[in-house]
């Protein structure tokens, strides 16, 4: 995702490619994968949607400092 897919999209599609214009979301298993990718790359994603999934322990990095998350 980070090393292959996003750079390929950035190189071939006309769009805003900064953090403030990047989101990822998914449901059940895709929601879990979304949380695993995005919470480990908060500098890359401004919007995260993990629906119908269990929350990983890493969610504390967002919920413990929501203002810090939005400043990245």
Protein backbone atom coordinates (compact mmCIF):
# COMPACT_ATOMS: atom_id res chain seq x y z
CA UNK A 1 0.00 0.00 0.00
CA UNK A 2 2.51 2.62 1.15
CA UNK A 3 5.47 1.60 -1.02
CA UNK A 4 3.71 0.43 -4.19
CA UNK A 5 0.04 1.34 -4.54
CA UNK A 6 0.03 4.96 -3.35
CA UNK A 7 3.13 5.94 -5.41
CA UNK A 8 1.62 4.28 -8.50
CA UNK A 9 -1.65 6.17 -8.05
CA UNK A 10 0.20 9.44 -7.40
CA UNK A 11 2.17 8.97 -10.62
CA UNK A 12 -0.79 8.08 -12.86
CA UNK A 13 -3.86 9.92 -11.54
CA UNK A 14 -4.35 13.69 -11.35
CA UNK A 15 -5.33 14.40 -7.75
CA UNK A 16 -4.27 16.07 -4.50
CA UNK A 17 -1.66 13.73 -3.08
CA UNK A 18 -1.04 15.26 0.34
CA UNK A 19 -2.14 13.87 3.70
CA UNK A 20 -5.12 16.24 3.99
CA UNK A 21 -6.62 14.75 0.83
CA UNK A 22 -5.96 11.07 1.56
CA UNK A 23 -8.41 8.66 3.20
CA UNK A 24 -8.83 4.93 3.62
CA UNK A 25 -11.86 2.96 4.77
CA UNK A 26 -13.10 -0.61 4.86
CA UNK A 27 -15.64 -2.97 6.37
CA UNK A 28 -15.07 -6.18 8.34
CA UNK A 29 -11.72 -7.55 7.26
CA UNK A 30 -11.02 -4.48 5.11
CA UNK A 31 -11.74 -2.36 8.17
CA UNK A 32 -9.10 -4.24 10.14
CA UNK A 33 -6.61 -3.82 7.28
CA UNK A 34 -7.49 -0.14 7.05
CA UNK A 35 -6.72 0.35 10.73
CA UNK A 36 -3.47 -1.59 10.48
CA UNK A 37 -2.22 0.47 7.54
CA UNK A 38 -3.46 3.92 8.54
CA UNK A 39 -2.63 3.84 12.25
CA UNK A 40 0.93 2.93 11.35
CA UNK A 41 1.10 5.78 8.82
CA UNK A 42 -0.69 8.72 10.42
CA UNK A 43 1.58 11.04 8.45
CA UNK A 44 0.02 9.71 5.21
CA UNK A 45 -3.74 9.53 6.01
CA UNK A 46 -5.96 12.30 7.38
CA UNK A 47 -9.22 10.32 7.34
CA UNK A 48 -9.69 6.76 8.57
CA UNK A 49 -12.81 4.60 8.47
CA UNK A 50 -12.73 1.15 10.02
CA UNK A 51 -16.29 -0.15 10.08
CA UNK A 52 -17.67 -3.31 11.69
CA UNK A 53 -14.28 -4.38 12.97
CA UNK A 54 -12.59 -4.84 16.30
CA UNK A 55 -10.33 -1.99 17.37
CA UNK A 56 -6.62 -2.69 17.57
CA UNK A 57 -4.61 -1.56 20.56
CA UNK A 58 -3.03 1.13 18.35
CA UNK A 59 -6.29 3.08 18.43
CA UNK A 60 -4.97 4.67 21.63
CA UNK A 61 -2.54 6.68 19.49
CA UNK A 62 -5.52 8.52 18.00
CA UNK A 63 -7.95 8.62 20.90
CA UNK A 64 -5.40 9.67 23.52
CA UNK A 65 -4.44 12.82 21.57
CA UNK A 66 -7.06 13.68 18.93
CA UNK A 67 -5.68 17.21 18.50
CA UNK A 68 -2.22 15.78 17.84
CA UNK A 69 -3.68 13.44 15.22
CA UNK A 70 -5.29 16.31 13.33
CA UNK A 71 -2.08 18.40 13.42
CA UNK A 72 0.01 15.79 11.53
